[in-house]
Amino acid sequence: MMSLKFHDGTRVTDHLNSFQGIINQLAGMSIKFEDEIQGLWLLGTLPDSWETFRISLSNSGPDGIITMELAKGGILNEEMRRKSQGSSSHSDVLVTEGRGRSQSRGPGNKGKHRNKSKGKFADFECYHCGRKGHTIRFCRQLKKEKKKNDYNNQKDHKKDEGGNGNAEINTTTEEFLICCDLDMINIAHDDSSWVVDSGATCHVTSQRGFYSSYTPGNFGNVRMGNNGLSKIAGIGDICLKFDTGIELVLHNVKHVPDMRLNLISVGLLDDDGYSNNFGNGIWKLTRGSLIVARGKRCSKLYMTHPKIFKDRVNVVVNTDMTDL
């Protein structure tokens, strides 16, 4: 497996089939690997010309975890983007990337994670600090930076205490990065179109009217593809209803008025137990045997067109509605 490498000019699907074939052969010999290890190995088979994509996807995984499904979807999307551009050397990707992303940390996990990283990740290089012996999930430097950001955020929250309920919140100076290809300007879309983005670390929209609940405030800035800065004007919840009849509530959606496309984060969907399936120009979101949503490939992006339900704010979750 370690000798398997992807070469520019070959089909990604052929490479994925070869990789999966090796995984299946090893499984037949009772040699099994965790899903996270498989995802990291798959990224490790990519050539140097994919380095920017590899770093972006690795840094955008929820809690630093790159699942096999996330790696496959991201690689397939990147191949389509490169084909549409006619170049395999340009490595910009559509990604919403945050500095100091929140990570779940429980008491007593510090030593466990450290010992775990020294063993099976000995040959991996962290995409955050560049050191070998651990992945970004167990990066001590990233955890220190996160702790410092959490402390600064607590101070900002204390400043807001005592204000009235309509006061705007200033919670963070976090800067998100949105890299958009220039030819995305020509993509046909309407305000209700949502891009299913395997690189995005958060949900984003420009439409204030979509929100069922909304909190205005200073939540930092986003840097667009032309290097211009745009403010995050607020965050809130948005309820989407798909043609499957299922309603999906997206929480903490960033409101960026200057953003042209609405983004649904594949990473957040994966983090909450959903399965994203990409192939043959179709995107399908499932949870167990339930098909939650569907979408189609438009140009080089997977897009979906749900309806907006603004009156779904405090509804109890049932079989026809699922929270994210």
Protein backbone atom coordinates (compact mmCIF):
# COMPACT_ATOMS: atom_id res chain seq x y z
CA MET A 1 0.00 0.00 0.00
CA MET A 2 2.79 2.40 0.88
CA SER A 3 4.16 2.11 -2.69
CA LEU A 4 0.83 3.05 -4.29
CA LYS A 5 1.03 6.56 -5.76
CA PHE A 6 -1.34 8.63 -7.86
CA HIS A 7 0.15 10.14 -11.02
CA ASP A 8 -1.18 13.27 -12.74
CA GLY A 9 -2.93 12.38 -15.97
CA THR A 10 -4.50 9.18 -14.68
CA ARG A 11 -8.13 8.92 -13.58
CA VAL A 12 -8.85 9.49 -9.91
CA THR A 13 -11.55 6.80 -9.95
CA ASP A 14 -8.99 4.21 -11.11
CA HIS A 15 -6.65 5.23 -8.30
CA LEU A 16 -9.45 5.06 -5.72
CA ASN A 17 -10.44 1.60 -6.97
CA SER A 18 -6.83 0.40 -6.67
CA PHE A 19 -6.57 1.84 -3.17
CA GLN A 20 -9.86 0.28 -2.08
CA GLY A 21 -8.81 -3.04 -3.61
CA ILE A 22 -5.71 -3.10 -1.42
CA ILE A 23 -7.80 -2.23 1.65
CA ASN A 24 -10.18 -5.09 0.83
CA GLN A 25 -7.32 -7.55 0.32
CA LEU A 26 -5.81 -6.63 3.67
CA ALA A 27 -9.23 -6.92 5.33
CA GLY A 28 -9.50 -10.42 3.86
CA MET A 29 -6.31 -11.26 5.72
CA SER A 30 -7.79 -9.85 8.96
CA ILE A 31 -5.63 -6.73 8.68
CA LYS A 32 -7.90 -3.76 9.24
CA PHE A 33 -7.21 -0.05 9.64
CA GLU A 34 -9.25 2.69 11.25
CA ASP A 35 -11.17 4.98 8.90
CA GLU A 36 -8.97 7.94 9.87
CA ILE A 37 -5.80 6.01 8.97
CA GLN A 38 -7.27 5.08 5.58
CA GLY A 39 -8.11 8.72 4.85
CA LEU A 40 -4.60 9.88 5.76
CA TRP A 41 -3.01 7.14 3.67
CA LEU A 42 -5.15 8.08 0.69
CA LEU A 43 -4.03 11.71 0.94
CA GLY A 44 -0.44 10.48 1.25
CA THR A 45 -0.67 8.81 -2.16
CA LEU A 46 -1.20 12.17 -3.89
CA PRO A 47 1.75 13.77 -5.75
CA ASP A 48 3.46 17.06 -4.86
CA SER A 49 1.27 18.97 -7.32
CA TRP A 50 -1.67 18.28 -4.98
CA GLU A 51 0.13 19.58 -1.89
CA THR A 52 -2.01 22.73 -1.46
CA PHE A 53 -5.20 20.71 -1.77
CA ARG A 54 -3.88 18.11 0.68
CA ILE A 55 -3.00 20.73 3.29
CA SER A 56 -6.34 22.57 2.87
CA LEU A 57 -8.38 19.39 3.27
CA SER A 58 -6.30 18.15 6.20
CA ASN A 59 -6.68 21.44 8.07
CA SER A 60 -10.42 21.61 7.39
CA GLY A 61 -11.39 18.22 8.82
CA PRO A 62 -13.67 18.36 11.88
CA ASP A 63 -11.42 18.08 14.95
CA GLY A 64 -8.55 17.41 12.53
CA ILE A 65 -10.06 14.06 11.49
CA ILE A 66 -9.94 13.14 7.80
CA THR A 67 -12.34 10.27 7.17
CA MET A 68 -12.09 8.04 4.12
CA GLU A 69 -15.37 9.45 2.82
CA LEU A 70 -14.18 13.05 3.23
CA ALA A 71 -10.88 12.28 1.48
CA LYS A 72 -12.60 10.54 -1.45
CA GLY A 73 -15.15 13.32 -1.92
CA GLY A 74 -12.53 16.04 -1.74
CA ILE A 75 -10.24 14.31 -4.27
CA LEU A 76 -13.09 13.72 -6.73
CA ASN A 77 -14.17 17.36 -6.47
CA GLU A 78 -10.59 18.54 -6.97
CA GLU A 79 -10.21 16.39 -10.10
CA MET A 80 -13.39 17.90 -11.59
CA ARG A 81 -12.17 21.39 -10.77
CA ARG A 82 -8.82 20.77 -12.43
CA LYS A 83 -10.42 19.25 -15.51
CA SER A 84 -12.73 22.23 -15.91
CA GLN A 85 -9.71 24.54 -15.68
CA GLY A 86 -7.67 22.46 -18.09
CA SER A 87 -4.70 22.47 -15.73
CA SER A 88 -3.46 20.10 -13.05
CA SER A 89 -0.83 22.46 -11.69
CA HIS A 90 -3.18 25.09 -10.27
CA SER A 91 -4.20 24.08 -6.78
CA ASP A 92 -6.70 26.65 -5.54
CA VAL A 93 -9.74 24.99 -3.97
CA LEU A 94 -13.08 26.15 -2.71
CA VAL A 95 -12.56 26.11 1.03
CA THR A 96 -13.73 27.97 4.05
CA GLU A 97 -10.95 27.66 6.59
CA GLY A 98 -10.91 29.06 10.13
CA ARG A 99 -8.05 29.90 12.42
CA GLY A 100 -8.48 28.52 15.92
CA ARG A 101 -11.38 26.20 15.15
CA SER A 102 -13.12 24.78 18.16
CA GLN A 103 -12.10 21.25 19.07
CA SER A 104 -13.74 18.92 21.58
CA ARG A 105 -11.40 18.16 24.44
CA GLY A 106 -12.37 16.14 27.45
CA PRO A 107 -10.52 15.84 30.77
CA GLY A 108 -8.12 12.97 30.96
CA ASN A 109 -7.61 12.69 27.20
CA LYS A 110 -4.29 14.50 27.03
CA GLY A 111 -2.01 11.59 27.84
CA LYS A 112 -4.12 9.14 25.89
CA HIS A 113 -3.95 11.18 22.71
CA ARG A 114 -0.23 11.80 23.10
CA ASN A 115 0.60 8.11 23.44
CA LYS A 116 -1.72 7.24 20.58
CA SER A 117 -0.09 9.74 18.25
CA LYS A 118 3.43 8.48 18.94
CA GLY A 119 2.53 4.99 17.77
CA LYS A 120 0.45 4.69 14.65
CA PHE A 121 1.18 8.25 13.42
CA ALA A 122 4.97 7.98 13.69
CA ASP A 123 5.48 8.44 9.93
CA PHE A 124 2.90 11.20 9.44
CA GLU A 125 3.65 14.91 9.32
CA CYS A 126 1.33 17.41 11.00
CA TYR A 127 -0.07 19.91 8.51
CA HIS A 128 -0.29 22.59 11.20
CA CYS A 129 3.17 22.65 12.80
CA GLY A 130 5.07 20.59 10.22
CA ARG A 131 6.50 18.13 12.77
CA LYS A 132 6.40 14.37 12.39
CA GLY A 133 4.93 11.88 14.84
CA HIS A 134 1.36 13.15 15.06
CA THR A 135 -1.58 14.45 13.03
CA ILE A 136 -3.26 17.82 13.34
CA ARG A 137 -5.88 16.25 15.64
CA PHE A 138 -3.19 15.70 18.30
CA CYS A 139 -1.08 18.80 17.58
CA ARG A 140 0.00 20.34 20.90
CA GLN A 141 0.82 23.66 19.25
CA LEU A 142 -2.68 23.91 17.78
CA LYS A 143 -4.22 23.11 21.17
CA LYS A 144 -2.18 25.87 22.81
CA GLU A 145 -3.35 28.35 20.18
CA LYS A 146 -6.92 27.19 20.65
CA LYS A 147 -6.65 27.64 24.43
CA LYS A 148 -5.38 31.19 23.94
CA ASN A 149 -8.23 31.98 21.54
CA ASP A 150 -10.79 30.56 23.98
CA TYR A 151 -9.39 32.81 26.72
CA ASN A 152 -9.69 35.89 24.49
CA ASN A 153 -13.24 34.91 23.53
CA GLN A 154 -14.20 34.60 27.21
CA LYS A 155 -13.01 38.14 27.83
CA ASP A 156 -15.12 39.37 24.90
CA HIS A 157 -18.19 37.58 26.27
CA LYS A 158 -17.72 39.17 29.70
CA LYS A 159 -17.71 42.61 28.10
CA ASP A 160 -21.13 41.84 26.62
CA GLU A 161 -22.69 40.74 29.95
CA GLY A 162 -25.18 43.17 31.39
CA GLY A 163 -26.31 44.45 28.02
CA ASN A 164 -29.89 44.24 26.72
CA GLY A 165 -31.15 41.38 24.59
CA ASN A 166 -30.86 43.35 21.38
CA ALA A 167 -27.20 44.21 21.79
CA GLU A 168 -24.81 43.00 19.12
CA ILE A 169 -22.22 40.45 20.14
CA ASN A 170 -18.51 40.83 19.52
CA THR A 171 -17.18 37.33 20.09
CA THR A 172 -14.03 36.88 18.05
CA THR A 173 -11.52 38.37 15.67
CA GLU A 174 -11.28 35.04 13.89
CA GLU A 175 -10.58 35.42 10.19
CA PHE A 176 -11.97 32.89 7.76
CA LEU A 177 -10.43 32.30 4.36
CA ILE A 178 -12.57 31.67 1.31
CA CYS A 179 -10.62 30.82 -1.85
CA CYS A 180 -12.86 30.96 -4.90
CA ASP A 181 -11.86 30.30 -8.50
CA LEU A 182 -12.45 33.30 -10.69
CA ASP A 183 -14.49 31.32 -13.20
CA MET A 184 -17.08 30.56 -10.50
CA ILE A 185 -18.53 33.94 -11.37
CA ASN A 186 -20.01 32.32 -14.47
CA ILE A 187 -21.84 29.56 -12.60
CA ALA A 188 -25.60 29.79 -13.09
CA HIS A 189 -27.35 29.87 -9.74
CA ASP A 190 -30.12 31.51 -7.76
CA ASP A 191 -30.35 32.65 -4.15
CA SER A 192 -31.75 29.28 -3.05
CA SER A 193 -28.83 27.29 -4.52
CA TRP A 194 -26.41 25.74 -2.03
CA VAL A 195 -22.93 24.41 -2.86
CA VAL A 196 -22.05 21.16 -1.08
CA ASP A 197 -18.40 21.90 -0.26
CA SER A 198 -16.06 19.18 1.03
CA GLY A 199 -13.48 21.79 2.03
CA ALA A 200 -15.67 24.23 3.97
CA THR A 201 -15.32 24.24 7.75
CA CYS A 202 -18.60 26.08 8.33
CA HIS A 203 -21.92 26.82 6.64
CA VAL A 204 -22.10 30.23 4.89
CA THR A 205 -24.82 32.32 3.23
CA SER A 206 -25.29 35.87 2.03
CA GLN A 207 -29.06 35.84 2.55
CA ARG A 208 -30.21 37.49 5.78
CA GLY A 209 -33.79 36.46 5.03
CA PHE A 210 -33.00 32.75 5.24
CA TYR A 211 -32.53 32.74 9.03
CA SER A 212 -35.06 31.34 11.48
CA SER A 213 -32.99 32.76 14.35
CA TYR A 214 -30.24 35.32 13.96
CA THR A 215 -27.62 37.06 16.11
CA PRO A 216 -25.98 40.15 14.59
CA GLY A 217 -22.52 41.19 15.66
CA ASN A 218 -18.83 41.35 14.86
CA PHE A 219 -17.73 37.79 14.16
CA GLY A 220 -14.58 38.57 12.21
CA ASN A 221 -13.90 38.77 8.49
CA VAL A 222 -13.63 36.56 5.43
CA ARG A 223 -11.02 36.96 2.74
CA MET A 224 -12.48 36.47 -0.72
CA GLY A 225 -10.73 35.09 -3.80
CA ASN A 226 -9.74 38.61 -4.90
CA ASN A 227 -8.05 39.17 -1.50
CA GLY A 228 -10.79 41.59 -0.46
CA LEU A 229 -12.10 41.43 3.11
CA SER A 230 -15.79 41.00 3.91
CA LYS A 231 -17.37 41.03 7.34
CA ILE A 232 -19.27 38.22 9.00
CA ALA A 233 -22.38 40.20 9.89
CA GLY A 234 -23.97 37.57 12.10
CA ILE A 235 -24.70 33.91 12.75
CA GLY A 236 -27.87 31.90 13.21
CA ASP A 237 -29.96 28.88 12.28
CA ILE A 238 -31.45 28.06 8.88
CA CYS A 239 -34.02 25.34 8.20
CA LEU A 240 -33.83 23.67 4.77
CA LYS A 241 -36.49 21.37 3.32
CA PHE A 242 -35.35 19.06 0.52
CA ASP A 243 -37.31 17.28 -2.20
CA THR A 244 -37.06 14.13 -0.07
CA GLY A 245 -39.51 15.74 2.36
CA ILE A 246 -36.86 15.90 5.09
CA GLU A 247 -36.12 19.14 6.94
CA LEU A 248 -32.53 19.85 7.99
CA VAL A 249 -31.60 22.61 10.48
CA LEU A 250 -28.16 24.15 9.96
CA HIS A 251 -26.84 25.78 13.13
CA ASN A 252 -24.35 28.65 13.44
CA VAL A 253 -24.50 29.57 9.75
CA LYS A 254 -22.17 32.50 8.98
CA HIS A 255 -23.88 35.50 7.37
CA VAL A 256 -21.50 37.07 4.83
CA PRO A 257 -23.42 39.62 2.71
CA ASP A 258 -20.65 39.80 0.08
CA MET A 259 -20.50 36.03 -0.40
CA ARG A 260 -21.89 35.01 -3.78
CA LEU A 261 -22.56 31.32 -3.11
CA ASN A 262 -24.30 29.59 -0.20
CA LEU A 263 -22.09 26.83 1.26
CA ILE A 264 -23.01 23.63 3.10
CA SER A 265 -20.02 22.13 4.91
CA VAL A 266 -19.50 18.42 4.21
CA GLY A 267 -17.19 18.25 7.22
CA LEU A 268 -19.90 19.44 9.61
CA LEU A 269 -22.36 16.96 8.11
CA ASP A 270 -19.87 14.14 8.62
CA ASP A 271 -19.17 15.33 12.15
CA ASP A 272 -22.86 14.98 13.02
CA GLY A 273 -23.22 11.43 11.76
CA TYR A 274 -24.32 11.99 8.18
CA SER A 275 -22.89 10.15 5.17
CA ASN A 276 -22.04 12.15 2.04
CA ASN A 277 -21.94 10.15 -1.19
CA PHE A 278 -20.56 11.65 -4.41
CA GLY A 279 -20.55 9.90 -7.78
CA ASN A 280 -21.93 9.94 -11.32
CA GLY A 281 -22.80 13.61 -10.95
CA ILE A 282 -25.04 12.97 -7.93
CA TRP A 283 -24.66 13.95 -4.26
CA LYS A 284 -26.70 12.03 -1.70
CA LEU A 285 -26.86 12.75 2.04
CA THR A 286 -27.97 9.86 4.23
CA ARG A 287 -28.29 9.00 7.89
CA GLY A 288 -28.55 5.28 8.32
CA SER A 289 -31.13 4.09 5.80
CA LEU A 290 -32.78 7.54 5.60
CA ILE A 291 -32.09 9.66 2.51
CA VAL A 292 -31.99 13.23 3.83
CA ALA A 293 -31.05 15.25 0.75
CA ARG A 294 -29.93 15.03 -2.85
CA GLY A 295 -28.10 17.28 -5.29
CA LYS A 296 -26.50 17.33 -8.73
CA ARG A 297 -23.17 18.40 -10.17
CA CYS A 298 -23.32 21.76 -11.91
CA SER A 299 -20.14 22.62 -13.81
CA LYS A 300 -17.51 21.56 -11.26
CA LEU A 301 -19.62 21.91 -8.10
CA TYR A 302 -22.23 19.77 -6.41
CA MET A 303 -25.32 21.87 -5.78
CA THR A 304 -28.70 21.41 -4.14
CA HIS A 305 -31.86 23.55 -4.16
CA PRO A 306 -33.84 23.18 -0.91
CA LYS A 307 -36.72 25.35 0.24
CA ILE A 308 -36.30 27.72 3.19
CA PHE A 309 -38.53 27.26 6.26
CA LYS A 310 -38.30 30.36 8.46
CA ASP A 311 -40.97 29.31 10.95
CA ARG A 312 -39.01 26.30 12.24
CA VAL A 313 -37.20 27.78 15.25
CA ASN A 314 -38.01 25.77 18.36
CA VAL A 315 -39.50 22.64 16.85
CA VAL A 316 -38.94 19.29 18.55
CA VAL A 317 -36.94 16.94 16.32
CA ASN A 318 -39.01 14.15 14.73
CA THR A 319 -38.57 11.63 11.93
CA ASP A 320 -39.15 14.32 9.31
CA MET A 321 -36.74 16.84 10.77
CA THR A 322 -33.11 16.54 11.72
CA ASP A 323 -30.84 19.05 13.44
CA LEU A 324 -27.25 19.80 12.52
